[in-house]
Each structure stands twice: as structure tokens, then as C-alpha cells.
Amino acid sequence: MDIDNKPAGIQVGDVAELTIELQKRENVLILPRAAIRTYMGRYYVQVLDGERRKELDIEIGLMTPTEAEIVKGLQKGQKVILNN
């Protein structure tokens, strides 16, 4: 492994932190995992539809411990309900 444009003054034994992206997608929405609900293998979110709650089935992409990509089922600008 090598680094382009190494900072001046680094030496063998110095500590560094790096991130390796294994996958990256464009045009997906990111939600906190707490907003995503599951029931018998179904992933869905609750959104505000006027004065009512509406359930929308979603397709999940990549997930981290705190966030998830939504690749289908939710549109930008929809208001997701995070709590009951």
C-alpha cells in the first residue's frame, strides 16, 4: 500500500487512519436505522400523509450500525416519522 501526496514529516511507526470504500452508490436516500421498521422480512417506514401516518414499503441498500440506504420506495422530501 502506498500514499500519494504524503504529508511532510511522516515516519515509519506513525499512526494513521484510513477509510476503504467497498461500495458506494449514487442517488440513494440515507435514513437513521431507527426510522426503519421490519415485520416478517418486510422493511417499511412511516411517513406523514397530510394529518395521517402512512406505511411505505422500502428496499434497503447498504447498512451501517447507524444508517441505511433507501434505494426504492421513498422519495426525496417525504417526511419520515422516527418515533411511534
PDB file of N, CA and C in Angstrom:
ATOM      1  N   MET A   1       0.845  -1.151   0.000  1.00  0.00           N
ATOM      2  CA  MET A   1       0.000   0.000   0.000  1.00  0.00           C
ATOM      3  C   MET A   1       0.899   1.225   0.000  1.00  0.00           C
ATOM      4  N   ASP A   2       0.492   2.237  -0.743  1.00  0.00           N
ATOM      5  CA  ASP A   2       1.269   3.463  -0.809  1.00  0.00           C
ATOM      6  C   ASP A   2       0.323   4.658  -0.741  1.00  0.00           C
ATOM      7  N   ILE A   3       0.851   5.792  -0.380  1.00  0.00           N
ATOM      8  CA  ILE A   3       0.063   7.012  -0.247  1.00  0.00           C
ATOM      9  C   ILE A   3       0.578   8.047  -1.233  1.00  0.00           C
ATOM     10  N   ASP A   4      -0.323   8.593  -2.041  1.00  0.00           N
ATOM     11  CA  ASP A   4       0.029   9.728  -2.891  1.00  0.00           C
ATOM     12  C   ASP A   4       0.012  10.995  -2.040  1.00  0.00           C
ATOM     13  N   ASN A   5       0.857  11.947  -2.346  1.00  0.00           N
ATOM     14  CA  ASN A   5       0.909  13.235  -1.644  1.00  0.00           C
ATOM     15  C   ASN A   5       1.060  13.059  -0.138  1.00  0.00           C
ATOM     16  N   LYS A   6       2.099  12.356   0.266  1.00  0.00           N
ATOM     17  CA  LYS A   6       2.346  12.108   1.688  1.00  0.00           C
ATOM     18  C   LYS A   6       2.613  13.420   2.424  1.00  0.00           C
ATOM     19  N   PRO A   7       2.062  13.570   3.627  1.00  0.00           N
ATOM     20  CA  PRO A   7       2.349  14.756   4.424  1.00  0.00           C
ATOM     21  C   PRO A   7       3.834  14.798   4.803  1.00  0.00           C
ATOM     22  N   ALA A   8       4.363  15.975   4.904  1.00  0.00           N
ATOM     23  CA  ALA A   8       5.771  16.124   5.291  1.00  0.00           C
ATOM     24  C   ALA A   8       5.970  15.658   6.728  1.00  0.00           C
ATOM     25  N   GLY A   9       7.078  15.008   6.974  1.00  0.00           N
ATOM     26  CA  GLY A   9       7.446  14.643   8.336  1.00  0.00           C
ATOM     27  C   GLY A   9       6.907  13.317   8.824  1.00  0.00           C
ATOM     28  N   ILE A  10       6.233  12.547   7.987  1.00  0.00           N
ATOM     29  CA  ILE A  10       5.756  11.254   8.487  1.00  0.00           C
ATOM     30  C   ILE A  10       6.909  10.253   8.488  1.00  0.00           C
ATOM     31  N   GLN A  11       6.840   9.332   9.447  1.00  0.00           N
ATOM     32  CA  GLN A  11       7.912   8.350   9.609  1.00  0.00           C
ATOM     33  C   GLN A  11       7.314   6.975   9.850  1.00  0.00           C
ATOM     34  N   VAL A  12       8.135   5.954   9.652  1.00  0.00           N
ATOM     35  CA  VAL A  12       7.722   4.596   9.961  1.00  0.00           C
ATOM     36  C   VAL A  12       7.338   4.543  11.427  1.00  0.00           C
ATOM     37  N   GLY A  13       6.183   3.956  11.728  1.00  0.00           N
ATOM     38  CA  GLY A  13       5.709   3.861  13.110  1.00  0.00           C
ATOM     39  C   GLY A  13       4.659   4.898  13.454  1.00  0.00           C
ATOM     40  N   ASP A  14       4.492   5.933  12.615  1.00  0.00           N
ATOM     41  CA  ASP A  14       3.431   6.914  12.854  1.00  0.00           C
ATOM     42  C   ASP A  14       2.066   6.239  12.676  1.00  0.00           C
ATOM     43  N   VAL A  15       1.081   6.731  13.376  1.00  0.00           N
ATOM     44  CA  VAL A  15      -0.269   6.184  13.319  1.00  0.00           C
ATOM     45  C   VAL A  15      -1.073   6.966  12.287  1.00  0.00           C
ATOM     46  N   ALA A  16      -1.874   6.229  11.516  1.00  0.00           N
ATOM     47  CA  ALA A  16      -2.735   6.860  10.521  1.00  0.00           C
ATOM     48  C   ALA A  16      -4.090   6.169  10.528  1.00  0.00           C
ATOM     49  N   GLU A  17      -5.103   6.888  10.119  1.00  0.00           N
ATOM     50  CA  GLU A  17      -6.443   6.319   9.995  1.00  0.00           C
ATOM     51  C   GLU A  17      -6.863   6.447   8.540  1.00  0.00           C
ATOM     52  N   LEU A  18      -7.420   5.379   7.985  1.00  0.00           N
ATOM     53  CA  LEU A  18      -7.867   5.445   6.605  1.00  0.00           C
ATOM     54  C   LEU A  18      -9.200   4.743   6.456  1.00  0.00           C
ATOM     55  N   THR A  19      -9.912   5.118   5.412  1.00  0.00           N
ATOM     56  CA  THR A  19     -11.207   4.532   5.103  1.00  0.00           C
ATOM     57  C   THR A  19     -11.127   3.903   3.724  1.00  0.00           C
ATOM     58  N   ILE A  20     -11.559   2.668   3.637  1.00  0.00           N
ATOM     59  CA  ILE A  20     -11.592   1.970   2.365  1.00  0.00           C
ATOM     60  C   ILE A  20     -13.051   1.769   1.987  1.00  0.00           C
ATOM     61  N   GLU A  21     -13.480   2.391   0.902  1.00  0.00           N
ATOM     62  CA  GLU A  21     -14.856   2.245   0.444  1.00  0.00           C
ATOM     63  C   GLU A  21     -14.975   0.964  -0.357  1.00  0.00           C
ATOM     64  N   LEU A  22     -15.783   0.050   0.146  1.00  0.00           N
ATOM     65  CA  LEU A  22     -16.000  -1.200  -0.565  1.00  0.00           C
ATOM     66  C   LEU A  22     -17.120  -1.067  -1.591  1.00  0.00           C
ATOM     67  N   GLN A  23     -18.113  -0.250  -1.261  1.00  0.00           N
ATOM     68  CA  GLN A  23     -19.212   0.016  -2.169  1.00  0.00           C
ATOM     69  C   GLN A  23     -19.667   1.447  -1.963  1.00  0.00           C
ATOM     70  N   LYS A  24     -20.123   2.045  -3.040  1.00  0.00           N
ATOM     71  CA  LYS A  24     -20.678   3.395  -2.956  1.00  0.00           C
ATOM     72  C   LYS A  24     -21.744   3.511  -4.027  1.00  0.00           C
ATOM     73  N   ARG A  25     -22.872   4.061  -3.654  1.00  0.00           N
ATOM     74  CA  ARG A  25     -23.972   4.206  -4.600  1.00  0.00           C
ATOM     75  C   ARG A  25     -24.365   5.665  -4.724  1.00  0.00           C
ATOM     76  N   GLU A  26     -24.875   6.011  -5.878  1.00  0.00           N
ATOM     77  CA  GLU A  26     -25.359   7.360  -6.148  1.00  0.00           C
ATOM     78  C   GLU A  26     -26.892   7.356  -6.121  1.00  0.00           C
ATOM     79  N   ASN A  27     -27.479   8.508  -5.863  1.00  0.00           N
ATOM     80  CA  ASN A  27     -28.934   8.705  -5.925  1.00  0.00           C
ATOM     81  C   ASN A  27     -29.715   7.797  -4.978  1.00  0.00           C
ATOM     82  N   VAL A  28     -29.249   7.677  -3.755  1.00  0.00           N
ATOM     83  CA  VAL A  28     -29.991   6.949  -2.728  1.00  0.00           C
ATOM     84  C   VAL A  28     -30.213   7.886  -1.545  1.00  0.00           C
ATOM     85  N   LEU A  29     -31.239   7.609  -0.793  1.00  0.00           N
ATOM     86  CA  LEU A  29     -31.521   8.378   0.414  1.00  0.00           C
ATOM     87  C   LEU A  29     -30.927   7.643   1.610  1.00  0.00           C
ATOM     88  N   ILE A  30     -30.483   8.380   2.601  1.00  0.00           N
ATOM     89  CA  ILE A  30     -29.914   7.816   3.823  1.00  0.00           C
ATOM     90  C   ILE A  30     -30.863   8.141   4.973  1.00  0.00           C
ATOM     91  N   LEU A  31     -31.194   7.119   5.753  1.00  0.00           N
ATOM     92  CA  LEU A  31     -32.036   7.300   6.933  1.00  0.00           C
ATOM     93  C   LEU A  31     -31.353   6.691   8.147  1.00  0.00           C
ATOM     94  N   PRO A  32     -31.665   7.204   9.336  1.00  0.00           N
ATOM     95  CA  PRO A  32     -31.210   6.515  10.541  1.00  0.00           C
ATOM     96  C   PRO A  32     -31.878   5.140  10.607  1.00  0.00           C
ATOM     97  N   ARG A  33     -31.177   4.140  11.073  1.00  0.00           N
ATOM     98  CA  ARG A  33     -31.767   2.798  11.143  1.00  0.00           C
ATOM     99  C   ARG A  33     -32.978   2.765  12.065  1.00  0.00           C
ATOM    100  N   ALA A  34     -33.027   3.677  13.024  1.00  0.00           N
ATOM    101  CA  ALA A  34     -34.173   3.724  13.933  1.00  0.00           C
ATOM    102  C   ALA A  34     -35.471   4.072  13.202  1.00  0.00           C
ATOM    103  N   ALA A  35     -35.390   4.678  12.034  1.00  0.00           N
ATOM    104  CA  ALA A  35     -36.581   5.041  11.270  1.00  0.00           C
ATOM    105  C   ALA A  35     -37.148   3.862  10.488  1.00  0.00           C
ATOM    106  N   ILE A  36     -36.367   2.803  10.336  1.00  0.00           N
ATOM    107  CA  ILE A  36     -36.761   1.667   9.517  1.00  0.00           C
ATOM    108  C   ILE A  36     -37.403   0.602  10.392  1.00  0.00           C
ATOM    109  N   ARG A  37     -38.560   0.164   9.961  1.00  0.00           N
ATOM    110  CA  ARG A  37     -39.294  -0.851  10.713  1.00  0.00           C
ATOM    111  C   ARG A  37     -39.298  -2.151   9.906  1.00  0.00           C
ATOM    112  N   THR A  38     -39.372  -3.256  10.612  1.00  0.00           N
ATOM    113  CA  THR A  38     -39.422  -4.555   9.939  1.00  0.00           C
ATOM    114  C   THR A  38     -40.542  -5.386  10.521  1.00  0.00           C
ATOM    115  N   TYR A  39     -41.111  -6.215   9.668  1.00  0.00           N
ATOM    116  CA  TYR A  39     -42.127  -7.148  10.107  1.00  0.00           C
ATOM    117  C   TYR A  39     -42.134  -8.316   9.144  1.00  0.00           C
ATOM    118  N   MET A  40     -41.756  -9.496   9.620  1.00  0.00           N
ATOM    119  CA  MET A  40     -41.744 -10.725   8.834  1.00  0.00           C
ATOM    120  C   MET A  40     -41.009 -10.543   7.500  1.00  0.00           C
ATOM    121  N   GLY A  41     -39.814  -9.971   7.561  1.00  0.00           N
ATOM    122  CA  GLY A  41     -38.991  -9.794   6.370  1.00  0.00           C
ATOM    123  C   GLY A  41     -39.341  -8.579   5.539  1.00  0.00           C
ATOM    124  N   ARG A  42     -40.320  -7.823   5.943  1.00  0.00           N
ATOM    125  CA  ARG A  42     -40.752  -6.622   5.228  1.00  0.00           C
ATOM    126  C   ARG A  42     -40.075  -5.413   5.860  1.00  0.00           C
ATOM    127  N   TYR A  43     -39.471  -4.562   5.025  1.00  0.00           N
ATOM    128  CA  TYR A  43     -38.906  -3.298   5.502  1.00  0.00           C
ATOM    129  C   TYR A  43     -39.854  -2.180   5.096  1.00  0.00           C
ATOM    130  N   TYR A  44     -40.150  -1.293   6.032  1.00  0.00           N
ATOM    131  CA  TYR A  44     -41.035  -0.169   5.724  1.00  0.00           C
ATOM    132  C   TYR A  44     -40.720   1.011   6.632  1.00  0.00           C
ATOM    133  N   VAL A  45     -41.203   2.168   6.222  1.00  0.00           N
ATOM    134  CA  VAL A  45     -41.114   3.376   7.040  1.00  0.00           C
ATOM    135  C   VAL A  45     -42.505   3.967   7.150  1.00  0.00           C
ATOM    136  N   GLN A  46     -42.712   4.773   8.160  1.00  0.00           N
ATOM    137  CA  GLN A  46     -43.949   5.525   8.283  1.00  0.00           C
ATOM    138  C   GLN A  46     -43.660   6.953   7.836  1.00  0.00           C
ATOM    139  N   VAL A  47     -44.530   7.482   6.979  1.00  0.00           N
ATOM    140  CA  VAL A  47     -44.394   8.852   6.507  1.00  0.00           C
ATOM    141  C   VAL A  47     -45.657   9.621   6.841  1.00  0.00           C
ATOM    142  N   LEU A  48     -45.518  10.930   6.886  1.00  0.00           N
ATOM    143  CA  LEU A  48     -46.648  11.799   7.140  1.00  0.00           C
ATOM    144  C   LEU A  48     -47.367  12.052   5.827  1.00  0.00           C
ATOM    145  N   ASP A  49     -48.662  11.734   5.789  1.00  0.00           N
ATOM    146  CA  ASP A  49     -49.502  11.937   4.610  1.00  0.00           C
ATOM    147  C   ASP A  49     -50.662  12.813   5.032  1.00  0.00           C
ATOM    148  N   GLY A  50     -50.479  14.127   4.898  1.00  0.00           N
ATOM    149  CA  GLY A  50     -51.465  15.064   5.438  1.00  0.00           C
ATOM    150  C   GLY A  50     -51.394  15.029   6.949  1.00  0.00           C
ATOM    151  N   GLU A  51     -52.493  14.631   7.592  1.00  0.00           N
ATOM    152  CA  GLU A  51     -52.538  14.510   9.055  1.00  0.00           C
ATOM    153  C   GLU A  51     -52.400  13.050   9.499  1.00  0.00           C
ATOM    154  N   ARG A  52     -52.169  12.129   8.570  1.00  0.00           N
ATOM    155  CA  ARG A  52     -52.139  10.712   8.892  1.00  0.00           C
ATOM    156  C   ARG A  52     -50.760  10.106   8.677  1.00  0.00           C
ATOM    157  N   ARG A  53     -50.569   8.947   9.296  1.00  0.00           N
ATOM    158  CA  ARG A  53     -49.366   8.147   9.073  1.00  0.00           C
ATOM    159  C   ARG A  53     -49.666   7.159   7.955  1.00  0.00           C
ATOM    160  N   LYS A  54     -48.679   6.968   7.108  1.00  0.00           N
ATOM    161  CA  LYS A  54     -48.829   6.019   6.003  1.00  0.00           C
ATOM    162  C   LYS A  54     -47.581   5.136   5.991  1.00  0.00           C
ATOM    163  N   GLU A  55     -47.765   3.837   5.803  1.00  0.00           N
ATOM    164  CA  GLU A  55     -46.636   2.917   5.724  1.00  0.00           C
ATOM    165  C   GLU A  55     -46.217   2.753   4.269  1.00  0.00           C
ATOM    166  N   LEU A  56     -44.908   2.864   4.028  1.00  0.00           N
ATOM    167  CA  LEU A  56     -44.364   2.666   2.693  1.00  0.00           C
ATOM    168  C   LEU A  56     -43.336   1.544   2.735  1.00  0.00           C
ATOM    169  N   ASP A  57     -43.521   0.549   1.875  1.00  0.00           N
ATOM    170  CA  ASP A  57     -42.517  -0.500   1.744  1.00  0.00           C
ATOM    171  C   ASP A  57     -41.288   0.085   1.076  1.00  0.00           C
ATOM    172  N   ILE A  58     -40.117  -0.309   1.550  1.00  0.00           N
ATOM    173  CA  ILE A  58     -38.868   0.223   1.012  1.00  0.00           C
ATOM    174  C   ILE A  58     -37.905  -0.916   0.694  1.00  0.00           C
ATOM    175  N   GLU A  59     -36.948  -0.598  -0.135  1.00  0.00           N
ATOM    176  CA  GLU A  59     -35.855  -1.520  -0.423  1.00  0.00           C
ATOM    177  C   GLU A  59     -34.591  -0.942   0.180  1.00  0.00           C
ATOM    178  N   ILE A  60     -33.911  -1.744   0.983  1.00  0.00           N
ATOM    179  CA  ILE A  60     -32.712  -1.327   1.702  1.00  0.00           C
ATOM    180  C   ILE A  60     -31.485  -1.635   0.853  1.00  0.00           C
ATOM    181  N   GLY A  61     -30.538  -0.692   0.847  1.00  0.00           N
ATOM    182  CA  GLY A  61     -29.251  -0.922   0.211  1.00  0.00           C
ATOM    183  C   GLY A  61     -28.219  -1.261   1.273  1.00  0.00           C
ATOM    184  N   LEU A  62     -27.131  -0.540   1.264  1.00  0.00           N
ATOM    185  CA  LEU A  62     -26.073  -0.746   2.249  1.00  0.00           C
ATOM    186  C   LEU A  62     -26.533  -0.266   3.617  1.00  0.00           C
ATOM    187  N   MET A  63     -26.067  -0.961   4.670  1.00  0.00           N
ATOM    188  CA  MET A  63     -26.409  -0.565   6.033  1.00  0.00           C
ATOM    189  C   MET A  63     -25.158  -0.509   6.884  1.00  0.00           C
ATOM    190  N   THR A  64     -25.123   0.488   7.750  1.00  0.00           N
ATOM    191  CA  THR A  64     -24.101   0.585   8.785  1.00  0.00           C
ATOM    192  C   THR A  64     -24.823   0.363  10.109  1.00  0.00           C
ATOM    193  N   PRO A  65     -24.112   0.356  11.215  1.00  0.00           N
ATOM    194  CA  PRO A  65     -24.813   0.208  12.501  1.00  0.00           C
ATOM    195  C   PRO A  65     -25.797   1.347  12.796  1.00  0.00           C
ATOM    196  N   THR A  66     -25.627   2.500  12.159  1.00  0.00           N
ATOM    197  CA  THR A  66     -26.490   3.639  12.480  1.00  0.00           C
ATOM    198  C   THR A  66     -27.329   4.159  11.323  1.00  0.00           C
ATOM    199  N   GLU A  67     -26.976   3.820  10.080  1.00  0.00           N
ATOM    200  CA  GLU A  67     -27.678   4.361   8.913  1.00  0.00           C
ATOM    201  C   GLU A  67     -27.967   3.266   7.892  1.00  0.00           C
ATOM    202  N   ALA A  68     -28.935   3.570   7.015  1.00  0.00           N
ATOM    203  CA  ALA A  68     -29.253   2.635   5.932  1.00  0.00           C
ATOM    204  C   ALA A  68     -29.586   3.425   4.672  1.00  0.00           C
ATOM    205  N   GLU A  69     -29.172   2.882   3.533  1.00  0.00           N
ATOM    206  CA  GLU A  69     -29.540   3.461   2.248  1.00  0.00           C
ATOM    207  C   GLU A  69     -30.932   2.964   1.865  1.00  0.00           C
ATOM    208  N   ILE A  70     -31.726   3.866   1.349  1.00  0.00           N
ATOM    209  CA  ILE A  70     -33.038   3.506   0.824  1.00  0.00           C
ATOM    210  C   ILE A  70     -32.943   3.652  -0.688  1.00  0.00           C
ATOM    211  N   VAL A  71     -32.998   2.539  -1.402  1.00  0.00           N
ATOM    212  CA  VAL A  71     -32.815   2.593  -2.849  1.00  0.00           C
ATOM    213  C   VAL A  71     -34.133   2.583  -3.607  1.00  0.00           C
ATOM    214  N   LYS A  72     -35.230   2.244  -2.915  1.00  0.00           N
ATOM    215  CA  LYS A  72     -36.525   2.227  -3.590  1.00  0.00           C
ATOM    216  C   LYS A  72     -37.640   2.370  -2.565  1.00  0.00           C
ATOM    217  N   GLY A  73     -38.698   3.078  -2.947  1.00  0.00           N
ATOM    218  CA  GLY A  73     -39.890   3.155  -2.117  1.00  0.00           C
ATOM    219  C   GLY A  73     -40.110   4.467  -1.398  1.00  0.00           C
ATOM    220  N   LEU A  74     -39.094   5.311  -1.332  1.00  0.00           N
ATOM    221  CA  LEU A  74     -39.209   6.584  -0.626  1.00  0.00           C
ATOM    222  C   LEU A  74     -38.684   7.686  -1.532  1.00  0.00           C
ATOM    223  N   GLN A  75     -39.387   8.795  -1.551  1.00  0.00           N
ATOM    224  CA  GLN A  75     -38.995   9.920  -2.402  1.00  0.00           C
ATOM    225  C   GLN A  75     -38.378  11.034  -1.557  1.00  0.00           C
ATOM    226  N   LYS A  76     -37.463  11.741  -2.154  1.00  0.00           N
ATOM    227  CA  LYS A  76     -36.853  12.903  -1.505  1.00  0.00           C
ATOM    228  C   LYS A  76     -37.956  13.891  -1.153  1.00  0.00           C
ATOM    229  N   GLY A  77     -37.910  14.403   0.067  1.00  0.00           N
ATOM    230  CA  GLY A  77     -38.890  15.386   0.516  1.00  0.00           C
ATOM    231  C   GLY A  77     -40.023  14.804   1.346  1.00  0.00           C
ATOM    232  N   GLN A  78     -40.222  13.489   1.318  1.00  0.00           N
ATOM    233  CA  GLN A  78     -41.252  12.891   2.153  1.00  0.00           C
ATOM    234  C   GLN A  78     -40.811  12.967   3.607  1.00  0.00           C
ATOM    235  N   LYS A  79     -41.765  13.176   4.504  1.00  0.00           N
ATOM    236  CA  LYS A  79     -41.461  13.331   5.925  1.00  0.00           C
ATOM    237  C   LYS A  79     -41.608  11.983   6.633  1.00  0.00           C
ATOM    238  N   VAL A  80     -40.458  11.438   7.051  1.00  0.00           N
ATOM    239  CA  VAL A  80     -40.422  10.144   7.715  1.00  0.00           C
ATOM    240  C   VAL A  80     -40.639  10.345   9.213  1.00  0.00           C
ATOM    241  N   ILE A  81     -41.499   9.523   9.785  1.00  0.00           N
ATOM    242  CA  ILE A  81     -41.782   9.558  11.223  1.00  0.00           C
ATOM    243  C   ILE A  81     -40.775   8.664  11.928  1.00  0.00           C
ATOM    244  N   LEU A  82     -40.046   9.236  12.886  1.00  0.00           N
ATOM    245  CA  LEU A  82     -38.992   8.494  13.572  1.00  0.00           C
ATOM    246  C   LEU A  82     -39.444   7.797  14.834  1.00  0.00           C
ATOM    247  N   ASN A  83     -40.538   8.231  15.445  1.00  0.00           N
ATOM    248  CA  ASN A  83     -40.988   7.600  16.683  1.00  0.00           C
ATOM    249  C   ASN A  83     -42.445   7.186  16.545  1.00  0.00           C
ATOM    250  N   ASN A  84     -42.899   6.393  17.514  1.00  0.00           N
ATOM    251  CA  ASN A  84     -44.296   5.914  17.470  1.00  0.00           C
ATOM    252  C   ASN A  84     -45.185   7.043  17.764  1.00  0.00           C
TER     253      ASN A  84
END
